[in-house]
Protein backbone atom coordinates (compact mmCIF):
# COMPACT_ATOMS: atom_id res chain seq x y z
CA MET A 1 114.70 74.43 100.51
CA ASN A 2 112.67 76.63 98.13
CA ASN A 3 112.05 79.89 99.14
CA TYR A 4 108.34 80.06 99.02
CA ALA A 5 105.61 80.52 102.16
CA ASP A 6 102.03 79.54 102.44
CA LEU A 7 100.79 82.32 105.05
CA HIS A 8 96.65 81.29 105.58
CA ILE A 9 96.33 78.05 106.84
CA HIS A 10 93.95 76.86 109.43
CA SER A 11 94.07 74.09 112.21
CA CYS A 12 91.87 71.65 114.55
CA PHE A 13 91.95 74.85 116.50
CA SER A 14 89.01 76.70 114.75
CA ASP A 15 87.28 74.90 111.32
CA GLY A 16 90.62 73.04 110.18
CA VAL A 17 91.31 69.03 110.39
CA LEU A 18 95.08 68.68 111.34
CA THR A 19 97.23 69.60 114.26
CA PRO A 20 99.69 72.39 114.41
CA GLU A 21 102.10 69.64 114.31
CA GLU A 22 100.80 67.93 111.44
CA ILE A 23 100.75 71.05 109.62
CA LEU A 24 104.42 71.58 110.08
CA THR A 25 105.35 68.16 109.11
CA ASP A 26 103.37 68.36 105.74
CA SER A 27 104.74 71.75 105.06
CA LYS A 28 107.94 70.21 105.63
CA LYS A 29 107.52 67.38 103.55
CA LYS A 30 106.17 70.12 100.92
CA ASN A 31 109.76 72.21 101.35
CA LEU A 32 108.14 74.97 102.79
CA ARG A 33 110.62 77.63 104.23
CA ALA A 34 107.68 79.87 106.16
CA ILE A 35 103.95 79.30 107.11
CA ALA A 36 101.59 80.97 109.14
CA VAL A 37 98.68 79.55 110.86
CA THR A 38 95.42 81.67 110.73
CA ASP A 39 92.60 80.18 112.82
CA HIS A 40 89.44 82.32 113.11
CA ASP A 41 89.50 84.75 116.20
CA THR A 42 91.92 82.38 118.39
CA PHE A 43 95.60 82.16 118.33
CA GLU A 44 96.15 78.71 119.98
CA GLY A 45 97.15 76.99 116.71
CA SER A 46 99.42 79.68 115.97
CA SER A 47 100.99 79.83 119.58
CA ARG A 48 101.67 76.10 119.21
CA ALA A 49 103.16 76.40 115.46
CA PHE A 50 105.05 79.04 117.54
CA LYS A 51 106.83 77.16 119.76
CA LEU A 52 107.69 74.47 117.64
CA SER A 53 108.58 75.71 114.95
CA ALA A 54 112.74 75.30 115.37
CA SER A 55 112.06 71.90 116.41
CA TYR A 56 110.91 71.26 112.95
CA GLY A 57 113.15 73.56 110.84
CA ILE A 58 110.26 76.01 109.48
CA GLU A 59 109.65 79.51 110.09
CA VAL A 60 106.18 80.42 111.63
CA LEU A 61 104.94 83.78 111.69
CA MET A 62 102.45 84.15 114.13
CA GLY A 63 98.54 84.51 112.61
CA ILE A 64 94.84 85.04 113.35
CA GLU A 65 92.10 85.22 110.67
CA LEU A 66 89.70 87.87 112.32
CA SER A 67 85.80 87.83 111.38
CA CYS A 68 84.38 91.41 110.36
CA SER A 69 81.57 93.50 109.19
CA PHE A 70 81.97 96.50 107.05
CA GLU A 71 78.48 97.71 105.67
CA ASP A 72 76.72 94.35 105.74
CA GLN A 73 79.44 92.48 104.46
CA ASP A 74 81.55 89.49 105.98
CA ILE A 75 84.75 90.44 105.77
CA HIS A 76 87.79 88.43 107.05
CA LEU A 77 91.30 90.00 108.00
CA LEU A 78 94.25 88.59 108.56
CA GLY A 79 96.65 89.78 111.05
CA TYR A 80 100.18 88.69 111.13
CA PHE A 81 102.82 89.31 114.00
CA LYS A 82 106.61 88.42 114.71
CA GLU A 83 106.00 87.69 117.91
CA ASP A 84 103.79 85.32 120.46
CA VAL A 85 100.60 87.95 121.04
CA SER A 86 98.01 85.68 122.09
CA HIS A 87 98.00 86.61 125.93
CA ILE A 88 97.44 90.21 125.30
CA PHE A 89 94.88 89.58 123.18
CA LYS A 90 93.33 87.10 125.21
CA PRO A 91 90.53 90.09 126.65
CA PHE A 92 89.77 91.08 122.99
CA LEU A 93 89.49 87.13 121.86
CA TYR A 94 87.50 86.35 124.75
CA LYS A 95 84.44 88.56 123.42
CA LEU A 96 84.39 87.19 120.21
CA LYS A 97 84.59 83.38 121.64
CA GLN A 98 81.40 84.16 123.44
CA GLY A 99 80.00 85.52 120.43
CA ARG A 100 80.51 82.58 118.50
CA ILE A 101 79.09 80.28 121.23
CA GLU A 102 76.10 82.32 121.70
CA ARG A 103 75.84 82.25 117.65
CA ALA A 104 76.02 78.36 117.69
CA TYR A 105 73.32 77.89 120.17
CA LYS A 106 70.79 79.60 118.11
CA ILE A 107 72.18 77.79 115.26
CA SER A 108 71.30 74.65 116.80
CA ASP A 109 67.97 75.67 117.96
CA ARG A 110 67.42 76.53 114.09
CA PHE A 111 68.24 72.89 113.57
CA LYS A 112 66.10 71.85 116.16
CA ASN A 113 63.18 73.54 113.82
CA HIS A 114 64.30 70.72 111.34
CA GLY A 115 63.76 67.61 113.79
CA ILE A 116 67.77 67.53 113.56
CA ALA A 117 69.86 67.22 116.99
CA MET A 118 72.96 68.54 117.38
CA PRO A 119 75.50 67.88 120.06
CA VAL A 120 76.27 71.85 120.67
CA GLU A 121 78.10 71.51 124.33
CA GLU A 122 80.20 69.54 122.98
CA MET A 123 81.00 71.06 120.13
CA VAL A 124 81.54 74.31 122.23
CA ILE A 125 83.89 72.43 124.75
CA ASN A 126 86.03 70.48 122.16
CA SER A 127 86.27 73.89 119.70
CA GLU A 128 88.46 77.07 120.09
CA SER A 129 86.42 79.18 117.71
CA ILE A 130 83.49 76.99 116.95
CA GLY A 131 81.73 77.75 113.60
CA ARG A 132 79.22 77.08 110.90
CA PRO A 133 81.64 74.27 109.24
CA HIS A 134 81.45 72.68 112.46
CA PHE A 135 77.66 71.91 111.92
CA ALA A 136 77.77 71.19 108.68
CA LYS A 137 80.75 68.63 109.98
CA GLU A 138 77.98 67.30 112.01
CA LEU A 139 75.61 67.50 108.90
CA ILE A 140 77.87 65.37 107.01
CA LYS A 141 78.55 62.37 109.98
CA LYS A 142 74.76 62.00 110.58
CA GLY A 143 74.16 61.44 106.64
CA ILE A 144 71.98 64.26 106.24
CA VAL A 145 74.36 65.94 103.88
CA GLY A 146 77.21 64.63 101.72
CA THR A 147 79.26 67.41 101.12
CA PHE A 148 80.28 70.88 102.79
CA GLU A 149 79.09 72.52 100.29
CA GLU A 150 75.46 71.05 100.45
CA ALA A 151 75.40 71.49 103.68
CA PHE A 152 75.67 75.46 103.73
CA GLU A 153 73.33 75.45 100.40
CA LYS A 154 70.62 73.56 102.08
CA TYR A 155 71.46 75.05 106.03
CA LEU A 156 74.10 77.55 106.89
CA SER A 157 74.63 80.10 104.08
CA ARG A 158 73.23 83.48 104.61
CA GLY A 159 69.41 83.60 103.77
CA LYS A 160 69.20 79.86 104.80
CA SER A 161 67.21 78.59 107.45
CA CYS A 162 69.58 78.01 109.71
CA TYR A 163 71.63 80.81 109.06
CA VAL A 164 72.52 83.45 111.81
CA GLU A 165 74.40 86.40 111.90
CA LYS A 166 77.82 86.07 113.71
CA THR A 167 78.70 88.87 116.03
CA LYS A 168 79.96 92.26 114.62
CA LEU A 169 83.63 93.00 114.58
CA PRO A 170 84.19 96.45 112.66
CA VAL A 171 86.83 96.40 110.38
CA LEU A 172 88.45 99.46 111.32
CA ASP A 173 88.37 97.97 115.17
CA ALA A 174 89.89 94.94 113.84
CA ILE A 175 92.89 97.09 112.15
CA SER A 176 93.64 98.92 115.12
CA GLU A 177 93.39 96.12 117.29
CA ILE A 178 96.44 94.31 114.96
CA ARG A 179 98.44 97.42 114.93
CA LYS A 180 98.11 98.31 118.47
CA TYR A 181 100.05 95.20 119.44
CA GLY A 182 102.97 95.48 116.35
CA GLY A 183 101.09 93.41 113.35
CA VAL A 184 99.88 94.16 110.36
CA SER A 185 96.24 93.59 108.88
CA ILE A 186 95.70 92.07 105.60
CA ILE A 187 92.36 92.17 104.04
CA ALA A 188 91.84 88.26 103.40
CA HIS A 189 90.44 86.53 99.90
CA PRO A 190 89.39 90.12 98.65
CA ALA A 191 88.02 88.44 95.30
CA LEU A 192 85.39 86.81 97.51
CA ILE A 193 83.70 89.73 99.11
CA ARG A 194 80.38 89.72 98.10
CA ASN A 195 79.92 93.41 97.03
CA LYS A 196 82.67 94.46 94.76
CA LEU A 197 82.51 97.65 94.80
CA ILE A 198 83.69 98.05 98.73
CA LEU A 199 87.16 97.06 98.34
CA ASN A 200 88.49 100.57 97.42
CA GLU A 201 86.00 101.66 100.60
CA LEU A 202 88.34 99.01 102.93
CA ILE A 203 91.40 100.20 101.60
CA SER A 204 90.64 103.60 102.41
CA LEU A 205 90.42 102.34 106.27
CA ASN A 206 94.08 101.89 106.14
CA PRO A 207 94.86 98.02 106.41
CA ASP A 208 98.79 97.13 105.46
CA GLY A 209 98.14 94.60 102.36
CA LEU A 210 95.69 92.53 100.46
CA GLU A 211 95.86 88.66 99.93
CA VAL A 212 96.22 88.74 96.59
CA TYR A 213 97.20 85.25 96.12
CA HIS A 214 94.63 82.52 96.92
CA SER A 215 93.39 79.02 95.93
CA LYS A 216 90.05 80.62 95.10
CA HIS A 217 91.47 83.67 93.44
CA THR A 218 91.56 83.29 89.51
CA GLN A 219 94.58 84.80 87.11
CA GLU A 220 92.54 87.25 86.90
CA ASP A 221 91.96 88.55 90.46
CA LYS A 222 95.67 88.16 90.86
CA ILE A 223 96.84 90.65 88.35
CA TYR A 224 93.82 93.21 89.42
CA LEU A 225 94.79 92.65 92.94
CA TYR A 226 98.32 93.07 93.08
CA ASN A 227 98.25 96.33 90.66
CA LEU A 228 95.87 97.18 92.97
CA ALA A 229 98.10 96.62 96.08
CA LYS A 230 100.78 98.11 94.23
CA ASP A 231 98.64 101.38 93.16
CA HIS A 232 97.76 101.90 97.28
CA GLY A 233 101.41 100.87 98.23
CA LEU A 234 100.07 98.04 100.20
CA LEU A 235 101.85 94.77 101.21
CA VAL A 236 101.61 91.14 99.10
CA SER A 237 100.43 88.09 100.56
CA GLY A 238 98.88 85.05 100.08
CA GLY A 239 98.24 81.23 101.02
CA SER A 240 96.45 78.22 100.57
CA ASP A 241 93.76 78.81 103.06
CA PHE A 242 93.74 75.25 103.75
CA HIS A 243 91.49 73.36 106.15
CA GLU A 244 91.52 70.02 104.74
CA GLU A 245 93.09 68.23 102.55
CA THR A 246 90.93 68.48 98.85
CA LYS A 247 91.46 67.77 95.32
CA TYR A 248 91.84 71.45 94.95
CA THR A 249 93.46 72.67 98.34
CA THR A 250 96.76 71.36 99.97
CA ILE A 251 99.31 73.40 102.21
CA GLY A 252 101.31 74.78 99.69
CA SER A 253 99.17 74.78 97.08
CA VAL A 254 99.57 78.75 97.00
CA LYS A 255 103.41 78.86 97.33
CA LEU A 256 104.11 82.58 98.36
CA PRO A 257 107.78 83.67 96.89
CA TYR A 258 109.89 84.33 100.50
CA TYR A 259 110.69 88.01 99.47
CA TYR A 260 106.98 88.95 99.88
CA LEU A 261 107.26 87.87 103.27
CA GLU A 262 110.11 89.96 103.74
CA ASN A 263 107.98 93.02 102.93
CA ILE A 264 105.46 91.69 105.44
CA LYS A 265 108.29 91.09 108.45
CA GLU A 266 109.75 94.53 107.53
CA LYS A 267 106.82 96.12 108.40
CA LEU A 268 106.23 94.44 111.60
CA TYR A 269 107.30 96.55 114.64
């Protein structure tokens, strides 16, 4: 078995397409030693993968990706845990889920203004963590757009007619919540943050690490972020950010050497 991990994978419980079982099967085929299912604002997919890990012979780190804000920027924070903490996180995540549902209905109303009916009730029932990608999938299904990129460019990106601001979760609150339950917090895909100047401010909030290796990071990004992490004594993490199979992103398309995972596990309580 190769000593590699992919610590950023999304399942059908948020905006991915594969079940946890399918993710584990594919990860085994890819010869990965460890993975983390990190769905948006829910542990459902991660918890299932965690319970099934032994039967697939793959190590699973409990994970989540929290949607946060900092100085009017969208910031995503990855949280990793050594045990299944889904039950104790339920009250905290319930508030986030309700915020996502309210936002989904507002987005649906915006689409009505374009004469586009969205099955929002069905979408809410069928998703643990509804978000804009679910609306993009509906647009593709209806033949209104051809790709996710087109859906976001025309309707769903910030500033477009169907964009609705999400519920604000301050980064510091998310870091504190993760730490309270023995986890480590990693700033996700930091090279994709719109305002590059705030990264040092985010580091001052005392997260545990940076996602250095990511499918959308350039080699220059990786070198810069690796040195930044080392300069500040931060953990190094990475993963594919897999949602569905594309030309550029598959499970394991970003391979994190296992010793980085060992460093993460040493910091877990």
